Structures are given as structure tokens and as C-alpha cells.
Amino acid sequence: MAKRLSVVLSMSLLAIAAASAGAQTTQSANQVELGIDAVIASTVGSSPNYTTVSIPDAQFRVGFFVSNDLSIEPRIGIMSVSGGGSTYTTYNGELGLLYHFVPGERPGTGVYVRPFAGFTGVSAGGSDTHARIGVGLGTKIPFADRLATRLELNYGHVFSTNNSDGGNQIGASIGLSFFTR
């Protein structure tokens, strides 16, 4: 389990580094968006159905702007709970591409679409990791010099594995974004 978790974390960090290197080759890459969200998500069309609420969500996002209307956004998260001799760990990584098709009053704000791909996994005695793809539609609303509220609705598909079924998931998030410049 520890080896698999280190591979997952290494791949996520590699994705962040690659996105950072690619974004820094353009002049508009001076702005970086850091953020965290509160999330509600529910599975649809699979059994069992479940709903999760995370305030704040157990993942962190970093957006690297390639231009004023396009950014590459890796996300990474890990949560581990131990008690009674058992440990339950969830981990996830994601890479999204945000296209701001209705610009806001500042670069990096306004209405955007976010296709994404990633993985989500659980380790609790055994391990199960699912690939995931989806799309989100949202807006970033500035409320201070370098701060914005971020609202998003999204849909994702989780692929099945040998250990468990896949399914579809719909979600909504509200978050805080900090822009470095």
C-alpha cells in the first residue's frame, strides 16, 4: 500500500511540475491561482448511491495561466483516518484545463469550462484506484484585490475496476481562489 501511495503522489507531483514548466514558457504565466473548495457530490446510476460533503474538500488546486483565458490546473488530495487498529485512506489527483470563455473584470476571472481527467483511490486493507474524467462549468467572482469566490457545477465518470463498479457523479463546489499577481 505504501508503495502504491508513493507512486500516486509522485505521479501527481510530476503532473504539477510538468504543468508549471509548460505554463512558465509564455509571458502570461506570471499569474498563479491557489485554491481550496467546499464540495458536495453525489453518485447517480450506480449502486450503492452515496453523497459526500467536504468542507473544505481534502484537496488543493493550483492554476497556472498559459494566457489570460486559459489555465492548466492540477489538483491533489489525500485524507487518512486511523482508529481501532484500522486505517482508511483516500487519495486523488486530477489535471484540468480551464478555458475562460466569458472574461471577468480581471484576468483569470469570469465564466469558464473545465474538462478534467484524473484518478481517485481508496486504501483500507486493500487498495482500489479508479480513473476519472469529467467536465465542470463555473465562474470566478472577484471580491478583493487578489481574491475571488469560485462556484462550479460538474459531472464526472468514474471507470470500474476489478474490485468495484464505476459510475457517474454530479457535484457542486464553492471555493476561495488567491491570485499571486
N, C-alpha and C. Protein backbone atom coordinates (compact mmCIF):
# COMPACT_ATOMS: atom_id res chain seq x y z
N MET A 1 0.81 -1.18 0.00
CA MET A 1 0.00 0.00 0.00
C MET A 1 0.87 1.26 0.00
N ALA A 2 1.91 1.28 0.83
CA ALA A 2 2.77 2.46 0.90
C ALA A 2 3.45 2.71 -0.44
N LYS A 3 3.84 1.63 -1.13
CA LYS A 3 4.48 1.80 -2.43
C LYS A 3 3.51 2.40 -3.44
N ARG A 4 2.27 1.90 -3.45
CA ARG A 4 1.27 2.41 -4.39
C ARG A 4 0.95 3.88 -4.10
N LEU A 5 0.84 4.22 -2.82
CA LEU A 5 0.56 5.59 -2.44
C LEU A 5 1.71 6.51 -2.86
N SER A 6 2.95 6.05 -2.70
CA SER A 6 4.09 6.89 -3.09
C SER A 6 4.13 7.06 -4.61
N VAL A 7 3.73 6.04 -5.36
CA VAL A 7 3.67 6.16 -6.81
C VAL A 7 2.59 7.17 -7.20
N VAL A 8 1.43 7.10 -6.56
CA VAL A 8 0.34 8.03 -6.85
C VAL A 8 0.77 9.47 -6.54
N LEU A 9 1.38 9.68 -5.40
CA LEU A 9 1.83 11.02 -5.03
C LEU A 9 2.93 11.51 -5.97
N SER A 10 3.84 10.62 -6.35
CA SER A 10 4.92 11.00 -7.27
C SER A 10 4.36 11.41 -8.63
N MET A 11 3.38 10.66 -9.13
CA MET A 11 2.78 10.99 -10.43
C MET A 11 2.05 12.34 -10.34
N SER A 12 1.39 12.60 -9.23
CA SER A 12 0.69 13.88 -9.07
C SER A 12 1.67 15.04 -9.04
N LEU A 13 2.76 14.88 -8.30
CA LEU A 13 3.77 15.93 -8.25
C LEU A 13 4.42 16.15 -9.60
N LEU A 14 4.62 15.06 -10.35
CA LEU A 14 5.18 15.17 -11.69
C LEU A 14 4.23 15.95 -12.60
N ALA A 15 2.92 15.70 -12.47
CA ALA A 15 1.94 16.44 -13.27
C ALA A 15 1.96 17.92 -12.92
N ILE A 16 2.08 18.23 -11.64
CA ILE A 16 2.17 19.64 -11.22
C ILE A 16 3.42 20.28 -11.79
N ALA A 17 4.55 19.59 -11.70
CA ALA A 17 5.81 20.14 -12.22
C ALA A 17 5.74 20.34 -13.74
N ALA A 18 5.15 19.38 -14.45
CA ALA A 18 5.04 19.49 -15.91
C ALA A 18 4.13 20.66 -16.29
N ALA A 19 3.03 20.80 -15.58
CA ALA A 19 2.12 21.92 -15.86
C ALA A 19 2.81 23.24 -15.57
N SER A 20 3.56 23.29 -14.51
CA SER A 20 4.27 24.51 -14.14
C SER A 20 5.32 24.88 -15.19
N ALA A 21 6.08 23.90 -15.63
CA ALA A 21 7.13 24.15 -16.62
C ALA A 21 6.51 24.62 -17.93
N GLY A 22 5.42 23.98 -18.35
CA GLY A 22 4.77 24.37 -19.60
C GLY A 22 4.17 25.75 -19.51
N ALA A 23 3.58 26.08 -18.38
CA ALA A 23 2.95 27.38 -18.22
C ALA A 23 3.96 28.50 -18.17
N GLN A 24 5.15 28.25 -17.65
CA GLN A 24 6.13 29.31 -17.49
C GLN A 24 6.84 29.68 -18.78
N THR A 25 6.52 29.01 -19.88
CA THR A 25 7.17 29.34 -21.15
C THR A 25 6.48 30.49 -21.88
N THR A 26 5.36 30.99 -21.36
CA THR A 26 4.68 32.10 -22.00
C THR A 26 4.72 33.33 -21.11
N GLN A 27 4.50 34.48 -21.72
CA GLN A 27 4.57 35.73 -20.99
C GLN A 27 3.41 35.87 -20.00
N SER A 28 2.23 35.32 -20.28
CA SER A 28 1.06 35.44 -19.40
C SER A 28 1.12 34.53 -18.19
N ALA A 29 2.16 33.77 -18.05
CA ALA A 29 2.24 32.78 -16.98
C ALA A 29 2.64 33.37 -15.64
N ASN A 30 2.66 34.68 -15.51
CA ASN A 30 3.04 35.28 -14.24
C ASN A 30 2.00 35.06 -13.16
N GLN A 31 0.74 34.86 -13.52
CA GLN A 31 -0.32 34.70 -12.54
C GLN A 31 -0.51 33.23 -12.21
N VAL A 32 -0.61 32.94 -10.92
CA VAL A 32 -0.90 31.60 -10.43
C VAL A 32 -2.11 31.72 -9.52
N GLU A 33 -3.02 30.76 -9.63
CA GLU A 33 -4.21 30.73 -8.79
C GLU A 33 -4.08 29.57 -7.81
N LEU A 34 -4.18 29.86 -6.52
CA LEU A 34 -4.16 28.84 -5.47
C LEU A 34 -5.56 28.76 -4.90
N GLY A 35 -6.03 27.54 -4.61
CA GLY A 35 -7.39 27.48 -4.09
C GLY A 35 -7.75 26.21 -3.37
N ILE A 36 -8.85 26.33 -2.64
CA ILE A 36 -9.45 25.21 -1.92
C ILE A 36 -10.96 25.41 -1.97
N ASP A 37 -11.71 24.32 -1.98
CA ASP A 37 -13.15 24.38 -2.17
C ASP A 37 -13.90 23.59 -1.11
N ALA A 38 -15.18 23.90 -0.94
CA ALA A 38 -16.14 23.05 -0.23
C ALA A 38 -16.94 22.34 -1.33
N VAL A 39 -17.16 21.04 -1.17
CA VAL A 39 -17.74 20.24 -2.25
C VAL A 39 -18.89 19.40 -1.74
N ILE A 40 -19.94 19.28 -2.56
CA ILE A 40 -20.97 18.28 -2.37
C ILE A 40 -21.05 17.50 -3.67
N ALA A 41 -21.02 16.18 -3.58
CA ALA A 41 -21.04 15.33 -4.78
C ALA A 41 -21.93 14.11 -4.50
N SER A 42 -22.61 13.66 -5.53
CA SER A 42 -23.50 12.52 -5.39
C SER A 42 -23.37 11.61 -6.60
N THR A 43 -23.35 10.30 -6.34
CA THR A 43 -23.31 9.35 -7.45
C THR A 43 -24.71 9.21 -8.03
N VAL A 44 -24.78 8.92 -9.31
CA VAL A 44 -26.05 8.69 -9.98
C VAL A 44 -25.92 7.46 -10.87
N GLY A 45 -26.96 6.64 -10.90
CA GLY A 45 -26.99 5.50 -11.79
C GLY A 45 -26.11 4.33 -11.37
N SER A 46 -25.69 4.27 -10.12
CA SER A 46 -24.89 3.13 -9.66
C SER A 46 -25.40 2.71 -8.29
N SER A 47 -25.01 1.55 -7.88
CA SER A 47 -25.44 1.06 -6.58
C SER A 47 -24.21 0.66 -5.78
N PRO A 48 -24.04 1.08 -4.56
CA PRO A 48 -24.97 1.96 -3.86
C PRO A 48 -24.75 3.42 -4.25
N ASN A 49 -25.81 4.20 -4.14
CA ASN A 49 -25.68 5.65 -4.34
C ASN A 49 -25.18 6.27 -3.06
N TYR A 50 -24.34 7.28 -3.17
CA TYR A 50 -23.86 7.96 -1.97
C TYR A 50 -23.63 9.43 -2.27
N THR A 51 -23.68 10.23 -1.22
CA THR A 51 -23.43 11.66 -1.30
C THR A 51 -22.33 12.00 -0.32
N THR A 52 -21.37 12.81 -0.76
CA THR A 52 -20.30 13.27 0.13
C THR A 52 -20.35 14.79 0.24
N VAL A 53 -20.05 15.26 1.44
CA VAL A 53 -19.95 16.69 1.70
C VAL A 53 -18.60 16.90 2.36
N SER A 54 -17.77 17.78 1.79
CA SER A 54 -16.43 18.06 2.32
C SER A 54 -16.27 19.57 2.47
N ILE A 55 -16.05 20.02 3.71
CA ILE A 55 -15.88 21.45 3.98
C ILE A 55 -14.67 21.63 4.88
N PRO A 56 -13.54 22.08 4.40
CA PRO A 56 -13.17 22.19 2.99
C PRO A 56 -12.86 20.80 2.43
N ASP A 57 -12.82 20.72 1.13
CA ASP A 57 -12.51 19.47 0.46
C ASP A 57 -11.06 19.09 0.74
N ALA A 58 -10.77 17.82 0.76
CA ALA A 58 -9.43 17.34 1.09
C ALA A 58 -8.53 17.33 -0.14
N GLN A 59 -8.54 18.42 -0.87
CA GLN A 59 -7.62 18.57 -1.99
C GLN A 59 -7.29 20.04 -2.19
N PHE A 60 -6.17 20.28 -2.83
CA PHE A 60 -5.66 21.61 -3.07
C PHE A 60 -5.46 21.78 -4.57
N ARG A 61 -5.79 22.95 -5.11
CA ARG A 61 -5.64 23.19 -6.54
C ARG A 61 -4.68 24.35 -6.80
N VAL A 62 -3.97 24.25 -7.92
CA VAL A 62 -3.04 25.29 -8.36
C VAL A 62 -3.29 25.50 -9.85
N GLY A 63 -3.60 26.74 -10.24
CA GLY A 63 -3.84 27.05 -11.65
C GLY A 63 -2.67 27.84 -12.22
N PHE A 64 -2.11 27.34 -13.30
CA PHE A 64 -1.00 28.01 -13.99
C PHE A 64 -1.56 28.60 -15.29
N PHE A 65 -1.54 29.92 -15.41
CA PHE A 65 -2.14 30.59 -16.56
C PHE A 65 -1.19 30.55 -17.75
N VAL A 66 -1.69 30.02 -18.85
CA VAL A 66 -0.96 29.97 -20.11
C VAL A 66 -1.23 31.26 -20.88
N SER A 67 -2.44 31.80 -20.73
CA SER A 67 -2.83 33.09 -21.31
C SER A 67 -3.90 33.67 -20.39
N ASN A 68 -4.46 34.82 -20.74
CA ASN A 68 -5.50 35.42 -19.90
C ASN A 68 -6.76 34.58 -19.82
N ASP A 69 -7.02 33.73 -20.82
CA ASP A 69 -8.25 32.94 -20.80
C ASP A 69 -8.03 31.43 -20.70
N LEU A 70 -6.81 30.98 -20.50
CA LEU A 70 -6.53 29.55 -20.44
C LEU A 70 -5.55 29.23 -19.31
N SER A 71 -5.91 28.24 -18.49
CA SER A 71 -5.00 27.82 -17.42
C SER A 71 -5.02 26.31 -17.29
N ILE A 72 -3.90 25.77 -16.83
CA ILE A 72 -3.74 24.35 -16.54
C ILE A 72 -3.83 24.22 -15.03
N GLU A 73 -4.70 23.30 -14.56
CA GLU A 73 -4.95 23.22 -13.12
C GLU A 73 -4.83 21.80 -12.58
N PRO A 74 -3.69 21.47 -11.98
CA PRO A 74 -3.59 20.20 -11.26
C PRO A 74 -4.21 20.34 -9.88
N ARG A 75 -4.74 19.22 -9.39
CA ARG A 75 -5.28 19.13 -8.03
C ARG A 75 -4.72 17.87 -7.40
N ILE A 76 -4.51 17.91 -6.11
CA ILE A 76 -4.04 16.74 -5.40
C ILE A 76 -4.66 16.72 -4.01
N GLY A 77 -4.96 15.53 -3.53
CA GLY A 77 -5.54 15.41 -2.21
C GLY A 77 -5.26 14.07 -1.58
N ILE A 78 -5.21 14.07 -0.27
CA ILE A 78 -5.05 12.83 0.50
C ILE A 78 -5.72 13.03 1.85
N MET A 79 -6.41 11.99 2.30
CA MET A 79 -7.03 12.01 3.61
C MET A 79 -6.85 10.63 4.23
N SER A 80 -6.41 10.58 5.48
CA SER A 80 -6.21 9.31 6.16
C SER A 80 -6.86 9.37 7.53
N VAL A 81 -7.62 8.32 7.86
CA VAL A 81 -8.29 8.22 9.15
C VAL A 81 -7.85 6.91 9.79
N SER A 82 -7.39 6.99 11.05
CA SER A 82 -6.97 5.78 11.78
C SER A 82 -7.74 5.68 13.08
N GLY A 83 -8.03 4.45 13.48
CA GLY A 83 -8.70 4.21 14.75
C GLY A 83 -9.03 2.75 14.92
N GLY A 84 -8.95 2.28 16.12
CA GLY A 84 -9.32 0.88 16.40
C GLY A 84 -8.47 -0.13 15.65
N GLY A 85 -7.23 0.23 15.35
CA GLY A 85 -6.34 -0.68 14.63
C GLY A 85 -6.54 -0.69 13.13
N SER A 86 -7.42 0.13 12.61
CA SER A 86 -7.66 0.19 11.16
C SER A 86 -7.27 1.56 10.62
N THR A 87 -6.91 1.57 9.35
CA THR A 87 -6.60 2.82 8.66
C THR A 87 -7.37 2.86 7.34
N TYR A 88 -7.98 4.00 7.07
CA TYR A 88 -8.73 4.23 5.84
C TYR A 88 -8.12 5.46 5.18
N THR A 89 -7.66 5.32 3.94
CA THR A 89 -7.01 6.43 3.24
C THR A 89 -7.66 6.62 1.88
N THR A 90 -7.96 7.87 1.54
CA THR A 90 -8.40 8.20 0.19
C THR A 90 -7.35 9.12 -0.42
N TYR A 91 -7.16 9.01 -1.72
CA TYR A 91 -6.20 9.84 -2.41
C TYR A 91 -6.74 10.14 -3.80
N ASN A 92 -6.38 11.31 -4.33
CA ASN A 92 -6.85 11.67 -5.66
C ASN A 92 -5.89 12.65 -6.30
N GLY A 93 -5.90 12.65 -7.60
CA GLY A 93 -5.13 13.59 -8.40
C GLY A 93 -5.92 13.89 -9.65
N GLU A 94 -5.76 15.09 -10.16
CA GLU A 94 -6.55 15.50 -11.30
C GLU A 94 -5.80 16.57 -12.08
N LEU A 95 -6.00 16.59 -13.36
CA LEU A 95 -5.45 17.64 -14.21
C LEU A 95 -6.58 18.20 -15.05
N GLY A 96 -6.84 19.50 -14.89
CA GLY A 96 -7.91 20.16 -15.62
C GLY A 96 -7.36 21.26 -16.51
N LEU A 97 -8.15 21.64 -17.49
CA LEU A 97 -7.80 22.73 -18.40
C LEU A 97 -8.97 23.71 -18.36
N LEU A 98 -8.74 24.91 -17.80
CA LEU A 98 -9.80 25.90 -17.68
C LEU A 98 -9.73 26.87 -18.85
N TYR A 99 -10.86 26.99 -19.56
CA TYR A 99 -10.98 27.98 -20.62
C TYR A 99 -12.01 29.01 -20.18
N HIS A 100 -11.58 30.25 -19.96
CA HIS A 100 -12.45 31.33 -19.52
C HIS A 100 -13.08 31.97 -20.76
N PHE A 101 -14.29 31.51 -21.14
CA PHE A 101 -14.89 31.98 -22.39
C PHE A 101 -15.70 33.26 -22.22
N VAL A 102 -15.99 33.67 -21.00
CA VAL A 102 -16.59 34.98 -20.72
C VAL A 102 -15.66 35.64 -19.70
N PRO A 103 -14.76 36.52 -20.16
CA PRO A 103 -13.79 37.10 -19.25
C PRO A 103 -14.43 37.98 -18.18
N GLY A 104 -13.81 37.97 -16.99
CA GLY A 104 -14.27 38.81 -15.90
C GLY A 104 -13.54 40.14 -15.90
N GLU A 105 -13.70 40.87 -14.82
CA GLU A 105 -13.06 42.19 -14.72
C GLU A 105 -11.56 42.11 -14.55
N ARG A 106 -11.03 40.95 -14.20
CA ARG A 106 -9.58 40.72 -14.09
C ARG A 106 -9.23 39.47 -14.87
N PRO A 107 -7.99 39.35 -15.36
CA PRO A 107 -7.57 38.09 -15.99
C PRO A 107 -7.75 36.93 -15.00
N GLY A 108 -8.25 35.82 -15.50
CA GLY A 108 -8.43 34.64 -14.67
C GLY A 108 -9.77 34.59 -13.97
N THR A 109 -10.64 35.58 -14.18
CA THR A 109 -11.98 35.54 -13.58
C THR A 109 -13.01 35.52 -14.71
N GLY A 110 -14.26 35.27 -14.35
CA GLY A 110 -15.33 35.18 -15.33
C GLY A 110 -15.87 33.76 -15.40
N VAL A 111 -16.56 33.45 -16.48
CA VAL A 111 -17.18 32.14 -16.66
C VAL A 111 -16.20 31.23 -17.40
N TYR A 112 -16.11 29.97 -16.94
CA TYR A 112 -15.16 29.03 -17.54
C TYR A 112 -15.78 27.65 -17.70
N VAL A 113 -15.16 26.86 -18.56
CA VAL A 113 -15.44 25.44 -18.70
C VAL A 113 -14.14 24.70 -18.34
N ARG A 114 -14.28 23.55 -17.65
CA ARG A 114 -13.09 22.83 -17.16
C ARG A 114 -13.21 21.33 -17.44
N PRO A 115 -12.70 20.86 -18.59
CA PRO A 115 -12.58 19.40 -18.76
C PRO A 115 -11.43 18.90 -17.88
N PHE A 116 -11.57 17.70 -17.34
CA PHE A 116 -10.53 17.17 -16.45
C PHE A 116 -10.43 15.66 -16.56
N ALA A 117 -9.27 15.14 -16.15
CA ALA A 117 -9.02 13.71 -16.07
C ALA A 117 -8.17 13.47 -14.83
N GLY A 118 -8.35 12.33 -14.22
CA GLY A 118 -7.57 12.05 -13.02
C GLY A 118 -7.83 10.66 -12.48
N PHE A 119 -7.58 10.51 -11.20
CA PHE A 119 -7.77 9.24 -10.52
C PHE A 119 -8.26 9.51 -9.11
N THR A 120 -8.92 8.53 -8.56
CA THR A 120 -9.34 8.57 -7.16
C THR A 120 -9.15 7.17 -6.60
N GLY A 121 -8.70 7.07 -5.38
CA GLY A 121 -8.43 5.76 -4.82
C GLY A 121 -8.74 5.68 -3.35
N VAL A 122 -8.90 4.44 -2.90
CA VAL A 122 -9.18 4.14 -1.50
C VAL A 122 -8.26 3.01 -1.08
N SER A 123 -7.73 3.12 0.11
CA SER A 123 -6.92 2.06 0.68
C SER A 123 -7.43 1.78 2.08
N ALA A 124 -7.95 0.59 2.29
CA ALA A 124 -8.47 0.18 3.60
C ALA A 124 -8.36 -1.33 3.69
N GLY A 125 -7.19 -1.83 3.98
CA GLY A 125 -6.96 -3.27 3.98
C GLY A 125 -6.57 -3.77 2.61
N GLY A 126 -7.20 -3.25 1.58
CA GLY A 126 -6.86 -3.50 0.18
C GLY A 126 -6.76 -2.14 -0.48
N SER A 127 -6.60 -2.14 -1.79
CA SER A 127 -6.47 -0.86 -2.48
C SER A 127 -7.27 -0.90 -3.76
N ASP A 128 -7.89 0.21 -4.11
CA ASP A 128 -8.69 0.30 -5.31
C ASP A 128 -8.56 1.71 -5.87
N THR A 129 -8.07 1.84 -7.10
CA THR A 129 -7.89 3.14 -7.74
C THR A 129 -8.69 3.18 -9.04
N HIS A 130 -9.45 4.24 -9.22
CA HIS A 130 -10.31 4.42 -10.39
C HIS A 130 -9.82 5.59 -11.23
N ALA A 131 -9.87 5.44 -12.54
CA ALA A 131 -9.65 6.57 -13.46
C ALA A 131 -10.96 7.36 -13.52
N ARG A 132 -10.82 8.65 -13.79
CA ARG A 132 -11.99 9.53 -13.77
C ARG A 132 -11.84 10.62 -14.82
N ILE A 133 -12.92 10.92 -15.55
CA ILE A 133 -12.94 12.04 -16.49
C ILE A 133 -14.22 12.83 -16.25
N GLY A 134 -14.21 14.09 -16.67
CA GLY A 134 -15.42 14.88 -16.49
C GLY A 134 -15.27 16.28 -17.02
N VAL A 135 -16.28 17.09 -16.73
CA VAL A 135 -16.28 18.49 -17.16
C VAL A 135 -17.02 19.32 -16.11
N GLY A 136 -16.53 20.53 -15.90
CA GLY A 136 -17.17 21.46 -14.98
C GLY A 136 -17.47 22.76 -15.68
N LEU A 137 -18.47 23.47 -15.19
CA LEU A 137 -18.82 24.80 -15.67
C LEU A 137 -18.94 25.69 -14.45
N GLY A 138 -18.23 26.80 -14.46
CA GLY A 138 -18.24 27.64 -13.28
C GLY A 138 -17.91 29.09 -13.55
N THR A 139 -17.79 29.82 -12.46
CA THR A 139 -17.45 31.23 -12.54
C THR A 139 -16.56 31.61 -11.36
N LYS A 140 -15.71 32.58 -11.59
CA LYS A 140 -14.86 33.15 -10.55
C LYS A 140 -15.25 34.62 -10.42
N ILE A 141 -15.65 35.01 -9.21
CA ILE A 141 -16.14 36.36 -8.96
C ILE A 141 -15.17 37.06 -8.00
N PRO A 142 -14.44 38.08 -8.47
CA PRO A 142 -13.50 38.77 -7.58
C PRO A 142 -14.23 39.54 -6.48
N PHE A 143 -13.66 39.52 -5.26
CA PHE A 143 -14.24 40.31 -4.18
C PHE A 143 -13.19 41.12 -3.43
N ALA A 144 -11.93 40.96 -3.75
CA ALA A 144 -10.84 41.76 -3.18
C ALA A 144 -9.73 41.79 -4.22
N ASP A 145 -8.65 42.50 -3.90
CA ASP A 145 -7.57 42.71 -4.86
C ASP A 145 -7.10 41.41 -5.53
N ARG A 146 -6.77 40.38 -4.75
CA ARG A 146 -6.26 39.13 -5.34
C ARG A 146 -7.07 37.92 -4.90
N LEU A 147 -8.32 38.13 -4.50
CA LEU A 147 -9.19 37.05 -4.04
C LEU A 147 -10.45 36.96 -4.88
N ALA A 148 -10.94 35.74 -5.07
CA ALA A 148 -12.18 35.52 -5.80
C ALA A 148 -12.93 34.35 -5.20
N THR A 149 -14.25 34.42 -5.28
CA THR A 149 -15.11 33.28 -4.96
C THR A 149 -15.23 32.46 -6.23
N ARG A 150 -15.18 31.14 -6.08
CA ARG A 150 -15.28 30.25 -7.24
C ARG A 150 -16.46 29.32 -7.05
N LEU A 151 -17.37 29.32 -8.01
CA LEU A 151 -18.56 28.46 -7.99
C LEU A 151 -18.50 27.54 -9.20
N GLU A 152 -18.78 26.24 -8.99
CA GLU A 152 -18.71 25.30 -10.12
C GLU A 152 -19.72 24.19 -9.96
N LEU A 153 -20.33 23.80 -11.08
CA LEU A 153 -21.12 22.58 -11.21
C LEU A 153 -20.32 21.64 -12.10
N ASN A 154 -20.29 20.33 -11.76
CA ASN A 154 -19.51 19.42 -12.59
C ASN A 154 -20.15 18.04 -12.67
N TYR A 155 -19.72 17.33 -13.70
CA TYR A 155 -20.13 15.95 -13.95
C TYR A 155 -18.87 15.15 -14.18
N GLY A 156 -18.79 13.97 -13.58
CA GLY A 156 -17.64 13.09 -13.79
C GLY A 156 -18.07 11.65 -13.97
N HIS A 157 -17.28 10.91 -14.68
CA HIS A 157 -17.50 9.47 -14.83
C HIS A 157 -16.31 8.76 -14.22
N VAL A 158 -16.59 7.84 -13.29
CA VAL A 158 -15.56 7.02 -12.65
C VAL A 158 -15.62 5.65 -13.30
N PHE A 159 -14.48 5.19 -13.82
CA PHE A 159 -14.43 3.90 -14.50
C PHE A 159 -14.35 2.76 -13.50
N SER A 160 -14.92 1.61 -13.86
CA SER A 160 -14.91 0.44 -12.98
C SER A 160 -13.53 -0.22 -12.97
N THR A 161 -13.28 -0.98 -11.92
CA THR A 161 -12.06 -1.77 -11.80
C THR A 161 -12.46 -3.21 -11.51
N ASN A 162 -11.48 -4.07 -11.32
CA ASN A 162 -11.77 -5.46 -10.97
C ASN A 162 -12.44 -5.57 -9.60
N ASN A 163 -12.18 -4.60 -8.72
CA ASN A 163 -12.69 -4.65 -7.35
C ASN A 163 -14.04 -3.96 -7.16
N SER A 164 -14.38 -3.01 -8.01
CA SER A 164 -15.63 -2.29 -7.80
C SER A 164 -16.14 -1.68 -9.10
N ASP A 165 -17.44 -1.37 -9.08
CA ASP A 165 -18.08 -0.78 -10.23
C ASP A 165 -17.74 0.70 -10.34
N GLY A 166 -17.86 1.22 -11.53
CA GLY A 166 -17.72 2.65 -11.76
C GLY A 166 -19.06 3.32 -11.62
N GLY A 167 -19.15 4.53 -12.09
CA GLY A 167 -20.42 5.24 -12.02
C GLY A 167 -20.26 6.67 -12.44
N ASN A 168 -21.35 7.38 -12.36
CA ASN A 168 -21.38 8.79 -12.70
C ASN A 168 -21.56 9.60 -11.43
N GLN A 169 -21.04 10.82 -11.46
CA GLN A 169 -21.10 11.66 -10.28
C GLN A 169 -21.41 13.09 -10.70
N ILE A 170 -22.32 13.73 -10.00
CA ILE A 170 -22.57 15.15 -10.21
C ILE A 170 -22.16 15.88 -8.94
N GLY A 171 -21.67 17.10 -9.11
CA GLY A 171 -21.19 17.82 -7.94
C GLY A 171 -21.33 19.32 -8.08
N ALA A 172 -21.18 19.98 -6.96
CA ALA A 172 -21.18 21.44 -6.90
C ALA A 172 -20.12 21.84 -5.89
N SER A 173 -19.45 22.95 -6.17
CA SER A 173 -18.43 23.43 -5.23
C SER A 173 -18.49 24.94 -5.12
N ILE A 174 -18.05 25.41 -3.96
CA ILE A 174 -17.84 26.82 -3.73
C ILE A 174 -16.47 26.92 -3.09
N GLY A 175 -15.65 27.84 -3.59
CA GLY A 175 -14.29 27.89 -3.10
C GLY A 175 -13.72 29.28 -3.04
N LEU A 176 -12.51 29.32 -2.57
CA LEU A 176 -11.75 30.55 -2.45
C LEU A 176 -10.51 30.42 -3.33
N SER A 177 -10.28 31.43 -4.16
CA SER A 177 -9.09 31.48 -5.01
C SER A 177 -8.24 32.69 -4.63
N PHE A 178 -6.95 32.46 -4.54
CA PHE A 178 -5.97 33.51 -4.30
C PHE A 178 -5.08 33.61 -5.52
N PHE A 179 -4.96 34.80 -6.10
CA PHE A 179 -4.12 35.03 -7.27
C PHE A 179 -2.81 35.67 -6.83
N THR A 180 -1.70 35.11 -7.27
CA THR A 180 -0.40 35.58 -6.82
C THR A 180 -0.01 36.92 -7.41
N ARG A 181 -0.57 37.33 -8.55
CA ARG A 181 -0.25 38.62 -9.18
C ARG A 181 -1.51 39.26 -9.70
